[in-house]
C-alpha cells in the first residue's frame, strides 16, 4: 500500500469523525490543528487497526502530522509483512 492510499484512508476516517476534508492536509497536526482529544485519538487508532490490520500507537505526548501517522501505518504494515515471511 502506498502513501497516497494510506493518506486517503486516513482522511476518510478523520472525515467520518466529523472533521471537514478541507482541513486535512499532509502537515495538519492531530492535536494543535484538529483539536483531537484522547478519546478521538483512540478511535482513530482503532479504525486504523480495522482498516489496515495493524496496531498503530498514536497516544503520545508529541503532536503528529497526518504524514507522520501515515508513516507509522506504513512501517507497521511493512513489519507485519516481514514477520509473515519469516
PDB file of N, CA and C in Angstrom:
ATOM      1  N   UNK A   1       0.853  -1.179   0.000  1.00  0.00           N
ATOM      2  CA  UNK A   1       0.000   0.000   0.000  1.00  0.00           C
ATOM      3  C   UNK A   1       0.895   1.238   0.000  1.00  0.00           C
ATOM      4  N   UNK A   2       0.601   2.173  -0.868  1.00  0.00           N
ATOM      5  CA  UNK A   2       1.456   3.354  -0.962  1.00  0.00           C
ATOM      6  C   UNK A   2       0.949   4.496  -0.077  1.00  0.00           C
ATOM      7  N   UNK A   3       1.772   5.529   0.007  1.00  0.00           N
ATOM      8  CA  UNK A   3       1.488   6.667   0.885  1.00  0.00           C
ATOM      9  C   UNK A   3       0.157   7.339   0.551  1.00  0.00           C
ATOM     10  N   UNK A   4      -0.135   7.522  -0.731  1.00  0.00           N
ATOM     11  CA  UNK A   4      -1.379   8.192  -1.120  1.00  0.00           C
ATOM     12  C   UNK A   4      -2.608   7.390  -0.717  1.00  0.00           C
ATOM     13  N   UNK A   5      -2.523   6.061  -0.826  1.00  0.00           N
ATOM     14  CA  UNK A   5      -3.652   5.216  -0.412  1.00  0.00           C
ATOM     15  C   UNK A   5      -3.867   5.310   1.094  1.00  0.00           C
ATOM     16  N   UNK A   6      -2.770   5.249   1.851  1.00  0.00           N
ATOM     17  CA  UNK A   6      -2.876   5.352   3.308  1.00  0.00           C
ATOM     18  C   UNK A   6      -3.438   6.722   3.694  1.00  0.00           C
ATOM     19  N   UNK A   7      -2.929   7.781   3.062  1.00  0.00           N
ATOM     20  CA  UNK A   7      -3.404   9.137   3.364  1.00  0.00           C
ATOM     21  C   UNK A   7      -4.891   9.273   3.039  1.00  0.00           C
ATOM     22  N   UNK A   8      -5.331   8.713   1.937  1.00  0.00           N
ATOM     23  CA  UNK A   8      -6.743   8.777   1.572  1.00  0.00           C
ATOM     24  C   UNK A   8      -7.633   8.105   2.597  1.00  0.00           C
ATOM     25  N   UNK A   9      -7.218   6.942   3.066  1.00  0.00           N
ATOM     26  CA  UNK A   9      -8.000   6.227   4.086  1.00  0.00           C
ATOM     27  C   UNK A   9      -7.981   7.005   5.398  1.00  0.00           C
ATOM     28  N   UNK A  10      -6.822   7.539   5.779  1.00  0.00           N
ATOM     29  CA  UNK A  10      -6.719   8.347   6.996  1.00  0.00           C
ATOM     30  C   UNK A  10      -7.638   9.561   6.917  1.00  0.00           C
ATOM     31  N   UNK A  11      -7.653  10.234   5.784  1.00  0.00           N
ATOM     32  CA  UNK A  11      -8.529  11.395   5.618  1.00  0.00           C
ATOM     33  C   UNK A  11     -10.001  11.001   5.697  1.00  0.00           C
ATOM     34  N   UNK A  12     -10.348   9.847   5.153  1.00  0.00           N
ATOM     35  CA  UNK A  12     -11.731   9.368   5.232  1.00  0.00           C
ATOM     36  C   UNK A  12     -12.127   9.078   6.673  1.00  0.00           C
ATOM     37  N   UNK A  13     -11.222   8.430   7.425  1.00  0.00           N
ATOM     38  CA  UNK A  13     -11.501   8.133   8.836  1.00  0.00           C
ATOM     39  C   UNK A  13     -11.728   9.432   9.607  1.00  0.00           C
ATOM     40  N   UNK A  14     -10.848  10.403   9.416  1.00  0.00           N
ATOM     41  CA  UNK A  14     -10.983  11.675  10.129  1.00  0.00           C
ATOM     42  C   UNK A  14     -12.236  12.430   9.695  1.00  0.00           C
ATOM     43  N   UNK A  15     -12.567  12.340   8.434  1.00  0.00           N
ATOM     44  CA  UNK A  15     -13.792  12.963   7.941  1.00  0.00           C
ATOM     45  C   UNK A  15     -15.017  12.322   8.594  1.00  0.00           C
ATOM     46  N   UNK A  16     -14.976  11.001   8.762  1.00  0.00           N
ATOM     47  CA  UNK A  16     -16.073  10.290   9.430  1.00  0.00           C
ATOM     48  C   UNK A  16     -16.200  10.691  10.899  1.00  0.00           C
ATOM     49  N   UNK A  17     -15.091  11.188  11.478  1.00  0.00           N
ATOM     50  CA  UNK A  17     -15.137  11.688  12.861  1.00  0.00           C
ATOM     51  C   UNK A  17     -15.689  13.112  12.925  1.00  0.00           C
ATOM     52  N   UNK A  18     -16.018  13.677  11.754  1.00  0.00           N
ATOM     53  CA  UNK A  18     -16.633  14.998  11.724  1.00  0.00           C
ATOM     54  C   UNK A  18     -15.704  16.138  11.364  1.00  0.00           C
ATOM     55  N   UNK A  19     -14.500  15.809  10.906  1.00  0.00           N
ATOM     56  CA  UNK A  19     -13.546  16.853  10.531  1.00  0.00           C
ATOM     57  C   UNK A  19     -13.696  17.147   9.045  1.00  0.00           C
ATOM     58  N   UNK A  20     -13.871  18.410   8.678  1.00  0.00           N
ATOM     59  CA  UNK A  20     -14.024  18.756   7.258  1.00  0.00           C
ATOM     60  C   UNK A  20     -12.790  18.361   6.447  1.00  0.00           C
ATOM     61  N   UNK A  21     -13.025  17.769   5.282  1.00  0.00           N
ATOM     62  CA  UNK A  21     -11.911  17.318   4.430  1.00  0.00           C
ATOM     63  C   UNK A  21     -10.974  18.460   4.049  1.00  0.00           C
ATOM     64  N   UNK A  22     -11.496  19.677   3.929  1.00  0.00           N
ATOM     65  CA  UNK A  22     -10.631  20.790   3.548  1.00  0.00           C
ATOM     66  C   UNK A  22      -9.616  21.146   4.643  1.00  0.00           C
ATOM     67  N   UNK A  23      -9.807  20.622   5.864  1.00  0.00           N
ATOM     68  CA  UNK A  23      -8.851  20.843   6.958  1.00  0.00           C
ATOM     69  C   UNK A  23      -7.772  19.765   7.016  1.00  0.00           C
ATOM     70  N   UNK A  24      -7.859  18.770   6.151  1.00  0.00           N
ATOM     71  CA  UNK A  24      -6.969  17.609   6.222  1.00  0.00           C
ATOM     72  C   UNK A  24      -5.895  17.671   5.148  1.00  0.00           C
ATOM     73  N   UNK A  25      -4.704  18.063   5.581  1.00  0.00           N
ATOM     74  CA  UNK A  25      -3.544  18.171   4.692  1.00  0.00           C
ATOM     75  C   UNK A  25      -2.393  17.373   5.294  1.00  0.00           C
ATOM     76  N   UNK A  26      -1.379  17.112   4.516  1.00  0.00           N
ATOM     77  CA  UNK A  26      -0.265  16.285   4.980  1.00  0.00           C
ATOM     78  C   UNK A  26       0.398  16.840   6.237  1.00  0.00           C
ATOM     79  N   UNK A  27       0.485  18.155   6.370  1.00  0.00           N
ATOM     80  CA  UNK A  27       1.163  18.749   7.531  1.00  0.00           C
ATOM     81  C   UNK A  27       0.202  19.145   8.658  1.00  0.00           C
ATOM     82  N   UNK A  28      -1.058  18.757   8.559  1.00  0.00           N
ATOM     83  CA  UNK A  28      -2.034  19.032   9.606  1.00  0.00           C
ATOM     84  C   UNK A  28      -1.660  18.251  10.866  1.00  0.00           C
ATOM     85  N   UNK A  29      -1.644  18.931  12.009  1.00  0.00           N
ATOM     86  CA  UNK A  29      -1.333  18.296  13.292  1.00  0.00           C
ATOM     87  C   UNK A  29      -2.608  17.794  13.964  1.00  0.00           C
ATOM     88  N   UNK A  30      -2.533  16.594  14.554  1.00  0.00           N
ATOM     89  CA  UNK A  30      -3.713  15.989  15.178  1.00  0.00           C
ATOM     90  C   UNK A  30      -4.249  16.826  16.336  1.00  0.00           C
ATOM     91  N   UNK A  31      -3.368  17.261  17.232  1.00  0.00           N
ATOM     92  CA  UNK A  31      -3.824  17.996  18.408  1.00  0.00           C
ATOM     93  C   UNK A  31      -3.970  19.492  18.133  1.00  0.00           C
ATOM     94  N   UNK A  32      -2.905  20.099  17.661  1.00  0.00           N
ATOM     95  CA  UNK A  32      -2.904  21.556  17.503  1.00  0.00           C
ATOM     96  C   UNK A  32      -3.904  22.034  16.455  1.00  0.00           C
ATOM     97  N   UNK A  33      -3.929  21.376  15.295  1.00  0.00           N
ATOM     98  CA  UNK A  33      -4.794  21.842  14.207  1.00  0.00           C
ATOM     99  C   UNK A  33      -6.204  21.254  14.265  1.00  0.00           C
ATOM    100  N   UNK A  34      -6.298  19.964  14.558  1.00  0.00           N
ATOM    101  CA  UNK A  34      -7.610  19.305  14.531  1.00  0.00           C
ATOM    102  C   UNK A  34      -8.285  19.259  15.894  1.00  0.00           C
ATOM    103  N   UNK A  35      -7.527  19.588  16.948  1.00  0.00           N
ATOM    104  CA  UNK A  35      -8.065  19.609  18.310  1.00  0.00           C
ATOM    105  C   UNK A  35      -8.645  18.248  18.728  1.00  0.00           C
ATOM    106  N   UNK A  36      -8.000  17.155  18.288  1.00  0.00           N
ATOM    107  CA  UNK A  36      -8.479  15.826  18.673  1.00  0.00           C
ATOM    108  C   UNK A  36      -8.154  15.584  20.145  1.00  0.00           C
ATOM    109  N   UNK A  37      -9.129  15.066  20.874  1.00  0.00           N
ATOM    110  CA  UNK A  37      -8.872  14.725  22.273  1.00  0.00           C
ATOM    111  C   UNK A  37      -8.434  13.260  22.356  1.00  0.00           C
ATOM    112  N   UNK A  38      -8.129  12.799  23.564  1.00  0.00           N
ATOM    113  CA  UNK A  38      -7.588  11.446  23.726  1.00  0.00           C
ATOM    114  C   UNK A  38      -8.576  10.371  23.274  1.00  0.00           C
ATOM    115  N   UNK A  39      -9.855  10.593  23.476  1.00  0.00           N
ATOM    116  CA  UNK A  39     -10.861   9.623  23.034  1.00  0.00           C
ATOM    117  C   UNK A  39     -10.878   9.523  21.517  1.00  0.00           C
ATOM    118  N   UNK A  40     -10.794  10.645  20.842  1.00  0.00           N
ATOM    119  CA  UNK A  40     -10.783  10.637  19.375  1.00  0.00           C
ATOM    120  C   UNK A  40      -9.504  10.006  18.828  1.00  0.00           C
ATOM    121  N   UNK A  41      -8.384  10.194  19.529  1.00  0.00           N
ATOM    122  CA  UNK A  41      -7.127   9.563  19.118  1.00  0.00           C
ATOM    123  C   UNK A  41      -7.257   8.045  19.230  1.00  0.00           C
ATOM    124  N   UNK A  42      -7.881   7.573  20.300  1.00  0.00           N
ATOM    125  CA  UNK A  42      -8.101   6.129  20.460  1.00  0.00           C
ATOM    126  C   UNK A  42      -9.023   5.617  19.361  1.00  0.00           C
ATOM    127  N   UNK A  43     -10.089   6.354  19.056  1.00  0.00           N
ATOM    128  CA  UNK A  43     -10.996   5.965  17.968  1.00  0.00           C
ATOM    129  C   UNK A  43     -10.248   5.871  16.647  1.00  0.00           C
ATOM    130  N   UNK A  44      -9.377   6.839  16.398  1.00  0.00           N
ATOM    131  CA  UNK A  44      -8.571   6.835  15.176  1.00  0.00           C
ATOM    132  C   UNK A  44      -7.670   5.602  15.141  1.00  0.00           C
ATOM    133  N   UNK A  45      -7.008   5.306  16.252  1.00  0.00           N
ATOM    134  CA  UNK A  45      -6.139   4.124  16.322  1.00  0.00           C
ATOM    135  C   UNK A  45      -6.915   2.842  16.047  1.00  0.00           C
ATOM    136  N   UNK A  46      -8.089   2.731  16.636  1.00  0.00           N
ATOM    137  CA  UNK A  46      -8.907   1.531  16.439  1.00  0.00           C
ATOM    138  C   UNK A  46      -9.361   1.394  14.993  1.00  0.00           C
ATOM    139  N   UNK A  47      -9.735   2.493  14.386  1.00  0.00           N
ATOM    140  CA  UNK A  47     -10.180   2.438  12.994  1.00  0.00           C
ATOM    141  C   UNK A  47      -9.010   2.120  12.063  1.00  0.00           C
ATOM    142  N   UNK A  48      -7.826   2.632  12.362  1.00  0.00           N
ATOM    143  CA  UNK A  48      -6.643   2.283  11.564  1.00  0.00           C
ATOM    144  C   UNK A  48      -6.374   0.781  11.666  1.00  0.00           C
ATOM    145  N   UNK A  49      -6.560   0.231  12.867  1.00  0.00           N
ATOM    146  CA  UNK A  49      -6.367  -1.218  13.033  1.00  0.00           C
ATOM    147  C   UNK A  49      -7.400  -1.996  12.213  1.00  0.00           C
ATOM    148  N   UNK A  50      -8.640  -1.542  12.208  1.00  0.00           N
ATOM    149  CA  UNK A  50      -9.685  -2.211  11.419  1.00  0.00           C
ATOM    150  C   UNK A  50      -9.386  -2.131   9.922  1.00  0.00           C
ATOM    151  N   UNK A  51      -8.944  -0.982   9.472  1.00  0.00           N
ATOM    152  CA  UNK A  51      -8.712  -0.766   8.044  1.00  0.00           C
ATOM    153  C   UNK A  51      -7.465  -1.473   7.525  1.00  0.00           C
ATOM    154  N   UNK A  52      -6.392  -1.457   8.348  1.00  0.00           N
ATOM    155  CA  UNK A  52      -5.100  -1.947   7.864  1.00  0.00           C
ATOM    156  C   UNK A  52      -4.646  -3.247   8.525  1.00  0.00           C
ATOM    157  N   UNK A  53      -5.310  -3.640   9.600  1.00  0.00           N
ATOM    158  CA  UNK A  53      -4.931  -4.879  10.278  1.00  0.00           C
ATOM    159  C   UNK A  53      -3.654  -4.770  11.086  1.00  0.00           C
ATOM    160  N   UNK A  54      -3.239  -3.549  11.414  1.00  0.00           N
ATOM    161  CA  UNK A  54      -2.030  -3.346  12.209  1.00  0.00           C
ATOM    162  C   UNK A  54      -2.323  -2.375  13.347  1.00  0.00           C
ATOM    163  N   UNK A  55      -1.567  -2.544  14.422  1.00  0.00           N
ATOM    164  CA  UNK A  55      -1.715  -1.642  15.570  1.00  0.00           C
ATOM    165  C   UNK A  55      -0.779  -0.457  15.377  1.00  0.00           C
ATOM    166  N   UNK A  56      -1.333   0.750  15.515  1.00  0.00           N
ATOM    167  CA  UNK A  56      -0.550   1.974  15.362  1.00  0.00           C
ATOM    168  C   UNK A  56      -0.731   2.793  16.634  1.00  0.00           C
ATOM    169  N   UNK A  57       0.381   3.023  17.335  1.00  0.00           N
ATOM    170  CA  UNK A  57       0.315   3.782  18.586  1.00  0.00           C
ATOM    171  C   UNK A  57       0.347   5.276  18.277  1.00  0.00           C
ATOM    172  N   UNK A  58      -0.731   5.960  18.612  1.00  0.00           N
ATOM    173  CA  UNK A  58      -0.830   7.406  18.380  1.00  0.00           C
ATOM    174  C   UNK A  58      -0.909   8.184  19.686  1.00  0.00           C
ATOM    175  N   UNK A  59      -1.052   7.475  20.792  1.00  0.00           N
ATOM    176  CA  UNK A  59      -1.235   8.125  22.082  1.00  0.00           C
ATOM    177  C   UNK A  59       0.116   8.524  22.667  1.00  0.00           C
ATOM    178  N   UNK A  60       0.710   9.565  22.114  1.00  0.00           N
ATOM    179  CA  UNK A  60       1.991  10.071  22.601  1.00  0.00           C
ATOM    180  C   UNK A  60       1.845  11.528  22.981  1.00  0.00           C
ATOM    181  N   UNK A  61       2.820  12.034  23.693  1.00  0.00           N
ATOM    182  CA  UNK A  61       2.794  13.453  24.075  1.00  0.00           C
ATOM    183  C   UNK A  61       3.147  14.350  22.894  1.00  0.00           C
ATOM    184  N   UNK A  62       3.861  13.793  21.930  1.00  0.00           N
ATOM    185  CA  UNK A  62       4.284  14.566  20.767  1.00  0.00           C
ATOM    186  C   UNK A  62       3.137  14.644  19.754  1.00  0.00           C
ATOM    187  N   UNK A  63       2.835  15.850  19.305  1.00  0.00           N
ATOM    188  CA  UNK A  63       1.819  16.029  18.269  1.00  0.00           C
ATOM    189  C   UNK A  63       2.350  15.462  16.958  1.00  0.00           C
ATOM    190  N   UNK A  64       1.480  14.896  16.145  1.00  0.00           N
ATOM    191  CA  UNK A  64       1.888  14.284  14.882  1.00  0.00           C
ATOM    192  C   UNK A  64       1.114  14.870  13.725  1.00  0.00           C
ATOM    193  N   UNK A  65       1.803  14.968  12.592  1.00  0.00           N
ATOM    194  CA  UNK A  65       1.133  15.381  11.359  1.00  0.00           C
ATOM    195  C   UNK A  65       0.459  14.156  10.741  1.00  0.00           C
ATOM    196  N   UNK A  66      -0.411  14.399   9.774  1.00  0.00           N
ATOM    197  CA  UNK A  66      -1.030  13.277   9.065  1.00  0.00           C
ATOM    198  C   UNK A  66       0.027  12.462   8.334  1.00  0.00           C
ATOM    199  N   UNK A  67       1.060  13.117   7.815  1.00  0.00           N
ATOM    200  CA  UNK A  67       2.153  12.391   7.162  1.00  0.00           C
ATOM    201  C   UNK A  67       2.839  11.450   8.137  1.00  0.00           C
ATOM    202  N   UNK A  68       3.085  11.905   9.361  1.00  0.00           N
ATOM    203  CA  UNK A  68       3.720  11.047  10.356  1.00  0.00           C
ATOM    204  C   UNK A  68       2.835   9.863  10.725  1.00  0.00           C
ATOM    205  N   UNK A  69       1.529  10.078  10.793  1.00  0.00           N
ATOM    206  CA  UNK A  69       0.605   8.971  11.061  1.00  0.00           C
ATOM    207  C   UNK A  69       0.697   7.953   9.920  1.00  0.00           C
ATOM    208  N   UNK A  70       0.694   8.440   8.687  1.00  0.00           N
ATOM    209  CA  UNK A  70       0.813   7.548   7.527  1.00  0.00           C
ATOM    210  C   UNK A  70       2.112   6.748   7.583  1.00  0.00           C
ATOM    211  N   UNK A  71       3.194   7.409   7.953  1.00  0.00           N
ATOM    212  CA  UNK A  71       4.478   6.711   8.052  1.00  0.00           C
ATOM    213  C   UNK A  71       4.434   5.613   9.099  1.00  0.00           C
ATOM    214  N   UNK A  72       3.769   5.873  10.209  1.00  0.00           N
ATOM    215  CA  UNK A  72       3.635   4.833  11.244  1.00  0.00           C
ATOM    216  C   UNK A  72       2.817   3.654  10.730  1.00  0.00           C
ATOM    217  N   UNK A  73       1.750   3.948   9.997  1.00  0.00           N
ATOM    218  CA  UNK A  73       0.936   2.873   9.417  1.00  0.00           C
ATOM    219  C   UNK A  73       1.769   2.066   8.432  1.00  0.00           C
ATOM    220  N   UNK A  74       2.484   2.750   7.551  1.00  0.00           N
ATOM    221  CA  UNK A  74       3.297   2.075   6.540  1.00  0.00           C
ATOM    222  C   UNK A  74       4.384   1.215   7.191  1.00  0.00           C
ATOM    223  N   UNK A  75       5.010   1.725   8.255  1.00  0.00           N
ATOM    224  CA  UNK A  75       6.031   0.957   8.977  1.00  0.00           C
ATOM    225  C   UNK A  75       5.418  -0.281   9.617  1.00  0.00           C
ATOM    226  N   UNK A  76       4.252  -0.131  10.211  1.00  0.00           N
ATOM    227  CA  UNK A  76       3.576  -1.265  10.846  1.00  0.00           C
ATOM    228  C   UNK A  76       3.195  -2.322   9.818  1.00  0.00           C
ATOM    229  N   UNK A  77       2.733  -1.891   8.651  1.00  0.00           N
ATOM    230  CA  UNK A  77       2.382  -2.837   7.579  1.00  0.00           C
ATOM    231  C   UNK A  77       3.637  -3.587   7.125  1.00  0.00           C
ATOM    232  N   UNK A  78       4.744  -2.863   6.929  1.00  0.00           N
ATOM    233  CA  UNK A  78       5.995  -3.499   6.497  1.00  0.00           C
ATOM    234  C   UNK A  78       6.482  -4.497   7.558  1.00  0.00           C
ATOM    235  N   UNK A  79       6.340  -4.159   8.822  1.00  0.00           N
ATOM    236  CA  UNK A  79       6.742  -5.071   9.895  1.00  0.00           C
ATOM    237  C   UNK A  79       5.922  -6.351   9.856  1.00  0.00           C
ATOM    238  N   UNK A  80       4.617  -6.202   9.628  1.00  0.00           N
ATOM    239  CA  UNK A  80       3.734  -7.366   9.531  1.00  0.00           C
ATOM    240  C   UNK A  80       4.132  -8.252   8.352  1.00  0.00           C
ATOM    241  N   UNK A  81       4.441  -7.633   7.228  1.00  0.00           N
ATOM    242  CA  UNK A  81       4.847  -8.382   6.034  1.00  0.00           C
ATOM    243  C   UNK A  81       6.148  -9.127   6.321  1.00  0.00           C
ATOM    244  N   UNK A  82       7.095  -8.455   6.957  1.00  0.00           N
ATOM    245  CA  UNK A  82       8.382  -9.088   7.275  1.00  0.00           C
ATOM    246  C   UNK A  82       8.207 -10.256   8.226  1.00  0.00           C
ATOM    247  N   UNK A  83       7.352 -10.095   9.229  1.00  0.00           N
ATOM    248  CA  UNK A  83       7.101 -11.179  10.181  1.00  0.00           C
ATOM    249  C   UNK A  83       6.432 -12.370   9.525  1.00  0.00           C
ATOM    250  N   UNK A  84       5.523 -12.098   8.595  1.00  0.00           N
ATOM    251  CA  UNK A  84       4.798 -13.191   7.931  1.00  0.00           C
ATOM    252  C   UNK A  84       5.683 -13.955   6.952  1.00  0.00           C
ATOM    253  N   UNK A  85       6.778 -13.346   6.501  1.00  0.00           N
ATOM    254  CA  UNK A  85       7.668 -14.003   5.557  1.00  0.00           C
ATOM    255  C   UNK A  85       8.738 -14.830   6.235  1.00  0.00           C
ATOM    256  N   UNK A  86       8.856 -14.715   7.567  1.00  0.00           N
ATOM    257  CA  UNK A  86       9.882 -15.488   8.266  1.00  0.00           C
ATOM    258  C   UNK A  86       9.347 -16.788   8.776  1.00  0.00           C
TER     259      UNK A  86
END
